[in-house]
Amino acid sequence: MKALITLTFAMTMLLLQPFATAKSQSKEIQSLLNAAAAGDNKKVASLLKNKSNLNAKDAGGNTALMLAISNDHKDTAKLILEKNPDVNIKNQEGETALFAALVSDKADIAKTLIEQGASLEDVGGEGESALFMAATTNQTDIMEIVLKKAPQLLNKSDDHGTTPLMEAAKFGGEKTVKILLDAGADKSLKNEDGRTALDIATKARNTSALKYLR
């Protein structure tokens, strides 16, 4: 898990501007990406009349949808989603549009992405699932949706052995932790550092989590 993911993503992705596209790509595509990043709905709508632009990416692999979400332009993101883009494209960091929505606390966009078939298994560049990211950001409504659709993600860890419960132990409120435990999350699992959820909650002094983990 990337260190301080919520803080670093909020500081960087919300200011994300599109990388220059490859020379072979048209000025029209670059205009679309710029418009999505700026929240220029009128221009985005006009440029999306050419459906071949819908899933175009900048040099960093970011689509217009990702740029709209990351720059906090929810109306622009909704406009793009109405055109049924590929919601499972990953950028060069291995992150999907759902990752961007979850890490920036846009539950309504996340719900739409899930409804349109966004993968829940692997949304981040370090093996984070949608449940993992929802637990990290205390989005309990999304957690419940994901658990109904993909209960197998309950104890799925990221590339560092960190489970959703461990993330909740560090960052979560009471409801976040309780949802996972009520679903049967395994408290005995350890991350790559040999720490359990209880160990993590203790170190973080997260009294909300400790209430349920002890």
Foldseek 3Di string as FASTA:
>chain_A
DPPPLLVVLLVDLLQDAFAAAPPPDDPLLNQLLRCLLVLVQVSVVVSCVPVVSLCDGGPQQDHSLSNNLSNVNVVNNVVSVVSLGDQAGAGNLRATSLLSCLSNVPVVSNVSSVVSPHAQQAHGSFRDGSLLSCLLVVVVVSNVVCCVVPVVQLCDDTNFQHHSLLSCLQRNALSSNVVSVVSPRDQCGATNVRDGSCRNNVVNVVVRNNVPND
